[in-house]
Amino acid sequence: MGLAYLSEITGNCDRNHVIFNPHPLAPNSPFNAARDLFLHGIIAEYLYGYLELQKEMRNLSK
């Protein structure tokens, strides 16, 4: 869900290929909870790194 928000805010849809659950309201099996939590952590770190790079690029262009 975070990538959808990021795409909307930044106007850049290049990272939407990382979305692994296109239907967040569809129920998942509890057996996939560990995998889902792991993927959530990786994507959160990915988003943070992307935003940090964008911030640095913006500061360099000023």
N, C-alpha and C. Protein backbone atom coordinates (compact mmCIF):
# COMPACT_ATOMS: atom_id res chain seq x y z
N MET A 1 0.82 -1.18 0.00
CA MET A 1 0.00 0.00 0.00
C MET A 1 0.87 1.25 0.00
N GLY A 2 2.00 1.19 0.66
CA GLY A 2 2.88 2.34 0.73
C GLY A 2 3.39 2.78 -0.64
N LEU A 3 3.63 1.82 -1.51
CA LEU A 3 4.11 2.17 -2.85
C LEU A 3 3.03 2.88 -3.65
N ALA A 4 1.80 2.53 -3.44
CA ALA A 4 0.71 3.23 -4.14
C ALA A 4 0.65 4.68 -3.69
N TYR A 5 0.81 4.91 -2.39
CA TYR A 5 0.84 6.28 -1.87
C TYR A 5 2.04 7.03 -2.41
N LEU A 6 3.19 6.38 -2.41
CA LEU A 6 4.41 7.02 -2.91
C LEU A 6 4.25 7.40 -4.37
N SER A 7 3.67 6.54 -5.17
CA SER A 7 3.45 6.84 -6.59
C SER A 7 2.54 8.04 -6.76
N GLU A 8 1.50 8.10 -5.94
CA GLU A 8 0.56 9.21 -6.03
C GLU A 8 1.21 10.53 -5.60
N ILE A 9 2.00 10.50 -4.54
CA ILE A 9 2.62 11.72 -4.02
C ILE A 9 3.72 12.23 -4.95
N THR A 10 4.58 11.33 -5.41
CA THR A 10 5.73 11.75 -6.22
C THR A 10 5.41 11.82 -7.70
N GLY A 11 4.32 11.20 -8.14
CA GLY A 11 4.00 11.18 -9.56
C GLY A 11 4.89 10.23 -10.35
N ASN A 12 5.57 9.32 -9.66
CA ASN A 12 6.49 8.38 -10.29
C ASN A 12 6.00 6.96 -10.02
N CYS A 13 5.60 6.27 -11.07
CA CYS A 13 5.06 4.91 -10.93
C CYS A 13 6.09 3.83 -11.25
N ASP A 14 7.35 4.18 -11.30
CA ASP A 14 8.39 3.23 -11.69
C ASP A 14 8.56 2.09 -10.70
N ARG A 15 8.18 2.29 -9.46
CA ARG A 15 8.41 1.26 -8.44
C ARG A 15 7.18 0.41 -8.14
N ASN A 16 6.12 0.54 -8.90
CA ASN A 16 4.91 -0.22 -8.63
C ASN A 16 5.07 -1.71 -8.91
N HIS A 17 6.13 -2.11 -9.60
CA HIS A 17 6.35 -3.53 -9.84
C HIS A 17 6.68 -4.29 -8.56
N VAL A 18 7.01 -3.57 -7.50
CA VAL A 18 7.38 -4.21 -6.23
C VAL A 18 6.14 -4.58 -5.41
N ILE A 19 4.98 -4.03 -5.76
CA ILE A 19 3.77 -4.33 -4.99
C ILE A 19 3.48 -5.82 -5.10
N PHE A 20 3.42 -6.51 -3.98
CA PHE A 20 3.26 -7.96 -4.01
C PHE A 20 1.84 -8.40 -3.63
N ASN A 21 1.00 -7.48 -3.18
CA ASN A 21 -0.37 -7.84 -2.85
C ASN A 21 -1.30 -6.80 -3.48
N PRO A 22 -1.65 -6.98 -4.75
CA PRO A 22 -2.47 -5.98 -5.42
C PRO A 22 -3.91 -5.92 -4.88
N HIS A 23 -4.32 -6.90 -4.09
CA HIS A 23 -5.66 -6.92 -3.52
C HIS A 23 -5.55 -7.01 -1.99
N PRO A 24 -5.26 -5.89 -1.31
CA PRO A 24 -5.00 -5.95 0.13
C PRO A 24 -6.20 -6.35 0.97
N LEU A 25 -7.40 -6.27 0.42
CA LEU A 25 -8.57 -6.66 1.20
C LEU A 25 -8.88 -8.14 1.10
N ALA A 26 -8.22 -8.84 0.19
CA ALA A 26 -8.42 -10.28 0.08
C ALA A 26 -7.70 -10.96 1.23
N PRO A 27 -8.37 -11.87 1.92
CA PRO A 27 -7.74 -12.50 3.08
C PRO A 27 -6.55 -13.38 2.70
N ASN A 28 -5.53 -13.32 3.52
CA ASN A 28 -4.34 -14.16 3.35
C ASN A 28 -4.37 -15.28 4.38
N SER A 29 -3.69 -16.32 4.08
CA SER A 29 -3.56 -17.42 5.03
C SER A 29 -2.63 -16.98 6.17
N PRO A 30 -2.92 -17.37 7.41
CA PRO A 30 -2.02 -17.03 8.50
C PRO A 30 -0.65 -17.71 8.36
N PHE A 31 -0.57 -18.72 7.51
CA PHE A 31 0.70 -19.39 7.30
C PHE A 31 1.67 -18.51 6.52
N ASN A 32 1.16 -17.49 5.85
CA ASN A 32 2.01 -16.57 5.10
C ASN A 32 2.39 -15.33 5.90
N ALA A 33 2.04 -15.28 7.18
CA ALA A 33 2.27 -14.08 7.98
C ALA A 33 3.75 -13.73 8.07
N ALA A 34 4.61 -14.70 8.29
CA ALA A 34 6.04 -14.42 8.41
C ALA A 34 6.60 -13.87 7.09
N ARG A 35 6.20 -14.47 6.00
CA ARG A 35 6.65 -14.00 4.68
C ARG A 35 6.15 -12.58 4.41
N ASP A 36 4.88 -12.32 4.72
CA ASP A 36 4.31 -11.00 4.50
C ASP A 36 5.01 -9.95 5.36
N LEU A 37 5.31 -10.28 6.60
CA LEU A 37 6.01 -9.35 7.48
C LEU A 37 7.42 -9.07 6.97
N PHE A 38 8.10 -10.09 6.50
CA PHE A 38 9.43 -9.94 5.94
C PHE A 38 9.40 -9.03 4.70
N LEU A 39 8.47 -9.28 3.80
CA LEU A 39 8.34 -8.45 2.60
C LEU A 39 7.97 -7.01 2.95
N HIS A 40 7.13 -6.84 3.96
CA HIS A 40 6.76 -5.50 4.40
C HIS A 40 8.01 -4.73 4.87
N GLY A 41 8.86 -5.39 5.64
CA GLY A 41 10.09 -4.76 6.11
C GLY A 41 11.02 -4.38 4.98
N ILE A 42 11.18 -5.26 4.03
CA ILE A 42 12.05 -4.98 2.89
C ILE A 42 11.52 -3.80 2.08
N ILE A 43 10.23 -3.79 1.83
CA ILE A 43 9.64 -2.71 1.03
C ILE A 43 9.69 -1.39 1.79
N ALA A 44 9.49 -1.42 3.11
CA ALA A 44 9.58 -0.19 3.90
C ALA A 44 10.99 0.38 3.83
N GLU A 45 12.01 -0.47 3.92
CA GLU A 45 13.40 0.00 3.81
C GLU A 45 13.68 0.53 2.40
N TYR A 46 13.13 -0.12 1.41
CA TYR A 46 13.28 0.31 0.02
C TYR A 46 12.68 1.70 -0.19
N LEU A 47 11.48 1.91 0.35
CA LEU A 47 10.83 3.22 0.25
C LEU A 47 11.63 4.29 0.96
N TYR A 48 12.12 3.97 2.14
CA TYR A 48 12.91 4.93 2.90
C TYR A 48 14.18 5.32 2.13
N GLY A 49 14.87 4.33 1.58
CA GLY A 49 16.07 4.61 0.79
C GLY A 49 15.76 5.46 -0.43
N TYR A 50 14.65 5.16 -1.10
CA TYR A 50 14.25 5.94 -2.27
C TYR A 50 13.98 7.39 -1.88
N LEU A 51 13.25 7.59 -0.80
CA LEU A 51 12.94 8.96 -0.37
C LEU A 51 14.19 9.71 0.07
N GLU A 52 15.12 9.02 0.71
CA GLU A 52 16.38 9.67 1.09
C GLU A 52 17.17 10.09 -0.14
N LEU A 53 17.22 9.25 -1.16
CA LEU A 53 17.92 9.61 -2.39
C LEU A 53 17.26 10.80 -3.08
N GLN A 54 15.92 10.82 -3.09
CA GLN A 54 15.21 11.94 -3.69
C GLN A 54 15.50 13.24 -2.93
N LYS A 55 15.58 13.15 -1.63
CA LYS A 55 15.89 14.32 -0.80
C LYS A 55 17.29 14.83 -1.11
N GLU A 56 18.26 13.92 -1.22
CA GLU A 56 19.63 14.32 -1.56
C GLU A 56 19.70 14.95 -2.94
N MET A 57 19.00 14.38 -3.91
CA MET A 57 19.00 14.94 -5.25
C MET A 57 18.39 16.33 -5.27
N ARG A 58 17.34 16.51 -4.50
CA ARG A 58 16.69 17.83 -4.42
C ARG A 58 17.64 18.85 -3.78
N ASN A 59 18.36 18.43 -2.74
CA ASN A 59 19.31 19.35 -2.09
C ASN A 59 20.48 19.69 -2.99
N LEU A 60 20.92 18.76 -3.83
CA LEU A 60 22.02 19.02 -4.73
C LEU A 60 21.63 19.96 -5.87
N SER A 61 20.36 19.91 -6.24
CA SER A 61 19.93 20.76 -7.37
C SER A 61 19.65 22.20 -6.95
N LYS A 62 19.64 22.47 -5.67
CA LYS A 62 19.39 23.85 -5.20
C LYS A 62 20.62 24.71 -5.29
